[in-house]
Amino acid sequence: MLAMPSLGPMIEVRELAKRYGRTVAVDGLTFTVRPGQVTGFLGPNGAGKSTTMRMMLGLDPPDSGRALIGGRPYQTVVHPLRHVGALLEGSSAHGGRSAYHHLLWLAQSNRIRKARVAEVLDLVGLGDVRARRVGTYSQGMAQRLGIAAALLGDPPVLLFDEPVNGLDPEGIRWIRGLMRGYAAQGRTVLVSSHLMSEMALTADHLIVIARGRLLADASVESFVGHHGSLEEAFMRLIAP
């Protein structure tokens, strides 16, 4: 297991902005995601969550501002899978490859030991189907493979965008425990989801945005307050 950092934020977003033509996707967004807790990243459709996460990973360049992971831009990190694990759009594996060889290629490109491939396949419940072509996988199996890729480098920082997509109830319970377990180890976990009930069970802290702007940065307990549920508090906050 990697040594976890004891102090300092792991993800810093400062005055981040992104526009597509006349559409403002992210508008001067600033927040910090700290280690040792699961941080839920919430917002309605089109709020800018996925765009923000893509800018964190250097997939989309910001128009202004910056996103740092461990104090530096993601694209400057050598062997990034050993520092940041990310699931943005499920598995990106070629349908003709086996799950094992997909992960083996990723491991070799980041100087991760070969034995780790079998470890993560067993961890996500795909050990018995590691030799099957990914194109034959169900949506839930493909989602588990994407999670396996994120965990491959045993990274201190994890970013998950809608990780429960395609998972059955057992799988949802499993990924919830996985994220909370990694946070308890002192890792930084950022997860976006539309499922308020699931975030109420999983997250310790919340970042809420709408129209690319920050609306709330608070613990789940203080955010819910007297509203009775996370869903009620969220709907009141984003109401026009």
Protein backbone atom coordinates (compact mmCIF):
# COMPACT_ATOMS: atom_id res chain seq x y z
CA MET A 1 0.00 0.00 0.00
CA LEU A 2 1.22 3.49 -0.76
CA ALA A 3 2.15 5.82 2.10
CA MET A 4 -0.68 8.28 2.49
CA PRO A 5 0.05 12.01 2.90
CA SER A 6 -0.82 13.27 6.38
CA LEU A 7 -1.29 16.98 5.69
CA GLY A 8 -2.53 19.30 2.97
CA PRO A 9 -5.23 19.18 0.33
CA MET A 10 -4.93 16.68 -2.48
CA ILE A 11 -7.18 18.37 -5.05
CA GLU A 12 -7.29 22.15 -5.48
CA VAL A 13 -9.56 23.94 -7.94
CA ARG A 14 -8.94 27.68 -8.22
CA GLU A 15 -11.04 30.10 -10.29
CA LEU A 16 -11.58 27.40 -12.92
CA ALA A 17 -13.53 28.51 -15.99
CA LYS A 18 -14.54 26.84 -19.25
CA ARG A 19 -16.77 28.03 -22.07
CA TYR A 20 -17.94 26.18 -25.19
CA GLY A 21 -18.94 28.86 -27.67
CA ARG A 22 -21.58 30.94 -25.92
CA THR A 23 -22.24 28.27 -23.30
CA VAL A 24 -20.57 28.74 -19.93
CA ALA A 25 -19.81 25.27 -18.56
CA VAL A 26 -17.69 26.25 -15.53
CA ASP A 27 -17.70 29.77 -14.12
CA GLY A 28 -14.91 30.73 -11.70
CA LEU A 29 -15.12 27.54 -9.65
CA THR A 30 -13.02 27.28 -6.47
CA PHE A 31 -12.95 24.45 -3.94
CA THR A 32 -10.64 21.97 -2.20
CA VAL A 33 -11.07 18.20 -1.85
CA ARG A 34 -9.28 16.92 1.23
CA PRO A 35 -7.98 13.44 2.10
CA GLY A 36 -9.58 11.13 4.62
CA GLN A 37 -13.19 11.58 3.54
CA VAL A 38 -15.53 10.85 0.65
CA THR A 39 -16.45 14.12 -1.04
CA GLY A 40 -19.67 14.07 -3.04
CA PHE A 41 -19.75 16.27 -6.14
CA LEU A 42 -23.39 17.17 -6.79
CA GLY A 43 -25.33 19.25 -9.28
CA PRO A 44 -28.15 19.01 -11.80
CA ASN A 45 -27.58 17.92 -15.39
CA GLY A 46 -25.40 20.46 -17.16
CA ALA A 47 -24.03 21.87 -13.90
CA GLY A 48 -20.42 21.41 -15.05
CA LYS A 49 -19.41 18.43 -12.91
CA SER A 50 -18.02 16.24 -15.70
CA THR A 51 -16.32 19.20 -17.36
CA THR A 52 -14.64 20.09 -14.07
CA MET A 53 -13.42 16.53 -13.58
CA ARG A 54 -12.11 16.41 -17.13
CA MET A 55 -10.15 19.61 -16.52
CA MET A 56 -8.71 18.11 -13.32
CA LEU A 57 -7.34 15.26 -15.46
CA GLY A 58 -6.04 17.49 -18.25
CA LEU A 59 -8.55 16.13 -20.79
CA ASP A 60 -10.06 19.59 -21.38
CA PRO A 61 -7.92 22.73 -21.06
CA PRO A 62 -9.44 25.47 -18.86
CA ASP A 63 -9.98 28.93 -20.29
CA SER A 64 -8.66 30.31 -17.00
CA GLY A 65 -7.85 29.14 -13.51
CA ARG A 66 -6.18 25.91 -12.53
CA ALA A 67 -6.78 22.44 -11.14
CA LEU A 68 -3.99 20.81 -9.12
CA ILE A 69 -3.73 17.27 -7.78
CA GLY A 70 -1.12 16.82 -5.09
CA GLY A 71 0.08 20.35 -5.77
CA ARG A 72 0.71 19.95 -9.51
CA PRO A 73 -1.20 19.69 -12.80
CA TYR A 74 -2.18 16.12 -13.58
CA GLN A 75 -0.58 16.18 -17.02
CA THR A 76 2.87 16.76 -15.47
CA VAL A 77 2.69 13.59 -13.34
CA VAL A 78 4.94 10.70 -14.39
CA HIS A 79 3.15 7.30 -14.32
CA PRO A 80 -0.18 8.96 -13.44
CA LEU A 81 -2.08 5.74 -12.63
CA ARG A 82 0.13 5.36 -9.57
CA HIS A 83 -1.03 8.76 -8.29
CA VAL A 84 -4.61 9.25 -9.53
CA GLY A 85 -7.28 6.69 -10.36
CA ALA A 86 -10.24 7.91 -12.38
CA LEU A 87 -13.51 6.53 -13.70
CA LEU A 88 -15.20 9.05 -15.97
CA GLU A 89 -17.11 7.13 -18.64
CA GLY A 90 -17.02 3.50 -17.59
CA SER A 91 -14.53 1.17 -19.21
CA SER A 92 -12.66 2.38 -22.29
CA ALA A 93 -11.33 -1.07 -23.10
CA HIS A 94 -11.30 -2.39 -26.66
CA GLY A 95 -14.14 -4.88 -27.04
CA GLY A 96 -11.88 -7.49 -28.61
CA ARG A 97 -9.46 -7.57 -25.70
CA SER A 98 -9.79 -9.58 -22.54
CA ALA A 99 -10.12 -7.73 -19.26
CA TYR A 100 -6.78 -9.15 -18.17
CA HIS A 101 -4.87 -7.93 -21.21
CA HIS A 102 -6.54 -4.52 -21.09
CA LEU A 103 -5.32 -4.01 -17.53
CA LEU A 104 -1.95 -5.59 -18.25
CA TRP A 105 -1.32 -3.00 -20.97
CA LEU A 106 -2.23 -0.20 -18.57
CA ALA A 107 0.01 -1.68 -15.89
CA GLN A 108 3.00 -1.98 -18.20
CA SER A 109 2.59 1.60 -19.43
CA ASN A 110 2.77 2.87 -15.84
CA ARG A 111 5.39 0.46 -14.47
CA ILE A 112 2.90 -1.30 -12.23
CA ARG A 113 3.76 -4.86 -11.23
CA LYS A 114 2.06 -7.59 -13.28
CA ALA A 115 0.62 -9.33 -10.21
CA ARG A 116 -1.47 -6.25 -9.47
CA VAL A 117 -3.67 -6.99 -12.51
CA ALA A 118 -4.98 -10.22 -11.01
CA GLU A 119 -5.38 -8.52 -7.63
CA VAL A 120 -7.69 -5.78 -8.88
CA LEU A 121 -9.69 -8.16 -11.07
CA ASP A 122 -10.40 -10.26 -7.99
CA LEU A 123 -11.12 -7.12 -5.96
CA VAL A 124 -13.85 -5.95 -8.36
CA GLY A 125 -15.33 -9.43 -8.83
CA LEU A 126 -14.08 -10.13 -12.35
CA GLY A 127 -11.43 -12.70 -11.54
CA ASP A 128 -13.43 -15.59 -12.98
CA VAL A 129 -14.10 -13.79 -16.29
CA ARG A 130 -10.70 -12.17 -16.78
CA ALA A 131 -10.11 -14.08 -20.03
CA ARG A 132 -13.44 -13.10 -21.63
CA ARG A 133 -13.54 -10.42 -24.29
CA VAL A 134 -14.71 -7.09 -22.90
CA GLY A 135 -17.21 -6.78 -25.73
CA THR A 136 -19.20 -9.64 -24.18
CA TYR A 137 -19.45 -7.93 -20.77
CA SER A 138 -22.69 -6.56 -19.36
CA GLN A 139 -22.88 -2.88 -18.45
CA GLY A 140 -22.27 -3.71 -14.81
CA MET A 141 -19.23 -5.85 -15.63
CA ALA A 142 -17.82 -3.11 -17.86
CA GLN A 143 -18.32 -0.63 -15.02
CA ARG A 144 -16.41 -2.93 -12.66
CA LEU A 145 -13.59 -3.12 -15.20
CA GLY A 146 -13.42 0.69 -15.30
CA ILE A 147 -13.21 0.72 -11.51
CA ALA A 148 -10.44 -1.91 -11.67
CA ALA A 149 -8.46 0.36 -14.00
CA ALA A 150 -8.86 3.25 -11.56
CA LEU A 151 -7.55 1.10 -8.70
CA LEU A 152 -4.71 -0.49 -10.68
CA GLY A 153 -1.94 1.79 -9.45
CA ASP A 154 -3.13 1.74 -5.82
CA PRO A 155 -3.38 5.56 -6.03
CA PRO A 156 -3.83 8.03 -3.15
CA VAL A 157 -6.40 10.02 -5.16
CA LEU A 158 -9.59 8.61 -6.70
CA LEU A 159 -12.10 10.39 -8.97
CA PHE A 160 -15.36 8.63 -9.80
CA ASP A 161 -18.05 10.04 -12.10
CA GLU A 162 -21.36 8.19 -11.57
CA PRO A 163 -19.65 4.98 -10.38
CA VAL A 164 -22.89 3.08 -9.63
CA ASN A 165 -24.10 3.19 -13.26
CA GLY A 166 -25.01 -0.33 -14.36
CA LEU A 167 -24.36 -1.90 -10.97
CA ASP A 168 -26.93 -4.10 -9.23
CA PRO A 169 -27.82 -3.53 -5.54
CA GLU A 170 -24.97 -5.79 -4.39
CA GLY A 171 -22.56 -3.88 -6.62
CA ILE A 172 -23.78 -0.52 -5.35
CA ARG A 173 -23.24 -1.64 -1.76
CA TRP A 174 -19.80 -2.94 -2.70
CA ILE A 175 -18.60 0.31 -4.35
CA ARG A 176 -19.96 2.32 -1.41
CA GLY A 177 -17.88 0.26 1.01
CA LEU A 178 -14.87 0.46 -1.30
CA MET A 179 -14.93 4.27 -1.43
CA ARG A 180 -15.46 4.66 2.29
CA GLY A 181 -12.70 2.16 2.98
CA TYR A 182 -10.20 4.03 0.83
CA ALA A 183 -11.14 7.35 2.46
CA ALA A 184 -10.61 5.74 5.88
CA GLN A 185 -7.06 4.90 4.78
CA GLY A 186 -6.41 8.63 4.30
CA ARG A 187 -6.91 8.77 0.55
CA THR A 188 -8.75 11.50 -1.32
CA VAL A 189 -12.04 10.35 -2.87
CA LEU A 190 -14.20 12.59 -5.09
CA VAL A 191 -17.40 11.09 -6.46
CA SER A 192 -20.17 12.63 -8.55
CA SER A 193 -23.65 11.13 -8.55
CA HIS A 194 -27.28 11.97 -9.27
CA LEU A 195 -28.46 9.54 -6.59
CA MET A 196 -29.13 11.60 -3.49
CA SER A 197 -30.00 8.56 -1.39
CA GLU A 198 -26.68 6.95 -2.26
CA MET A 199 -24.69 10.11 -1.55
CA ALA A 200 -26.42 10.36 1.85
CA LEU A 201 -24.99 6.92 2.68
CA THR A 202 -21.56 7.42 1.10
CA ALA A 203 -20.33 11.01 1.36
CA ASP A 204 -18.87 12.83 4.35
CA HIS A 205 -18.56 16.19 2.61
CA LEU A 206 -20.34 17.84 -0.33
CA ILE A 207 -19.41 20.17 -3.16
CA VAL A 208 -22.60 21.37 -4.88
CA ILE A 209 -22.56 23.35 -8.13
CA ALA A 210 -25.11 24.62 -10.62
CA ARG A 211 -24.56 26.50 -13.87
CA GLY A 212 -20.84 26.07 -13.31
CA ARG A 213 -20.84 27.97 -10.00
CA LEU A 214 -20.27 26.83 -6.44
CA LEU A 215 -23.44 26.71 -4.34
CA ALA A 216 -22.26 24.78 -1.28
CA ASP A 217 -19.08 23.40 0.27
CA ALA A 218 -20.04 21.72 3.53
CA SER A 219 -20.27 18.52 5.52
CA VAL A 220 -23.30 16.34 4.75
CA GLU A 221 -24.62 16.93 8.25
CA SER A 222 -24.49 20.72 8.04
CA PHE A 223 -25.79 20.76 4.47
CA VAL A 224 -28.88 18.71 5.31
CA GLY A 225 -29.52 20.70 8.49
CA HIS A 226 -33.22 20.82 9.32
CA HIS A 227 -34.40 19.77 5.83
CA GLY A 228 -34.80 16.13 6.82
CA SER A 229 -33.00 14.58 3.83
CA LEU A 230 -30.16 15.29 1.45
CA GLU A 231 -32.56 15.25 -1.49
CA GLU A 232 -34.80 17.90 0.08
CA ALA A 233 -31.85 20.13 0.95
CA PHE A 234 -30.42 19.75 -2.55
CA MET A 235 -33.71 20.55 -4.32
CA ARG A 236 -34.23 23.66 -2.19
CA LEU A 237 -30.70 24.87 -2.92
CA ILE A 238 -30.87 24.53 -6.71
CA ALA A 239 -34.43 25.86 -7.05
CA PRO A 240 -34.57 29.05 -9.14
